[in-house]
Amino acid sequence: MGSQLISVYPEELSFP
């Protein structure tokens, strides 16, 4: 996903 939805977590974590 990306910080567009969860700005709290960095995009580096690579969420599904």
N, C-alpha and C. Protein backbone atom coordinates (compact mmCIF):
# COMPACT_ATOMS: atom_id res chain seq x y z
N MET A 1 0.85 -1.20 0.00
CA MET A 1 0.00 0.00 0.00
C MET A 1 0.88 1.25 0.00
N GLY A 2 0.81 2.01 1.08
CA GLY A 2 1.66 3.20 1.12
C GLY A 2 1.22 4.16 2.21
N SER A 3 1.94 5.24 2.33
CA SER A 3 1.66 6.21 3.39
C SER A 3 0.36 6.98 3.09
N GLN A 4 -0.20 6.76 1.88
CA GLN A 4 -1.42 7.47 1.51
C GLN A 4 -2.55 7.12 2.47
N LEU A 5 -2.57 5.85 2.94
CA LEU A 5 -3.61 5.41 3.86
C LEU A 5 -3.12 5.46 5.30
N ILE A 6 -1.94 4.88 5.52
CA ILE A 6 -1.37 4.85 6.87
C ILE A 6 -0.09 5.67 6.89
N SER A 7 -0.22 6.96 7.14
CA SER A 7 0.95 7.85 7.14
C SER A 7 1.80 7.61 8.38
N VAL A 8 1.29 6.79 9.31
CA VAL A 8 2.00 6.52 10.55
C VAL A 8 3.16 5.56 10.30
N TYR A 9 2.94 4.63 9.36
CA TYR A 9 3.98 3.65 9.06
C TYR A 9 4.69 4.02 7.75
N PRO A 10 6.02 3.80 7.72
CA PRO A 10 6.80 4.09 6.51
C PRO A 10 6.50 3.08 5.41
N GLU A 11 6.62 3.50 4.16
CA GLU A 11 6.36 2.62 3.02
C GLU A 11 7.41 1.52 2.92
N GLU A 12 8.51 1.67 3.66
CA GLU A 12 9.59 0.69 3.59
C GLU A 12 9.14 -0.66 4.15
N LEU A 13 8.09 -0.64 4.99
CA LEU A 13 7.62 -1.90 5.58
C LEU A 13 6.93 -2.77 4.54
N SER A 14 6.50 -2.16 3.43
CA SER A 14 5.85 -2.90 2.35
C SER A 14 4.63 -3.67 2.84
N PHE A 15 3.54 -2.96 3.09
CA PHE A 15 2.30 -3.62 3.51
C PHE A 15 1.57 -4.20 2.30
N PRO A 16 0.76 -5.21 2.51
CA PRO A 16 0.03 -5.86 1.43
C PRO A 16 -1.06 -4.96 0.85
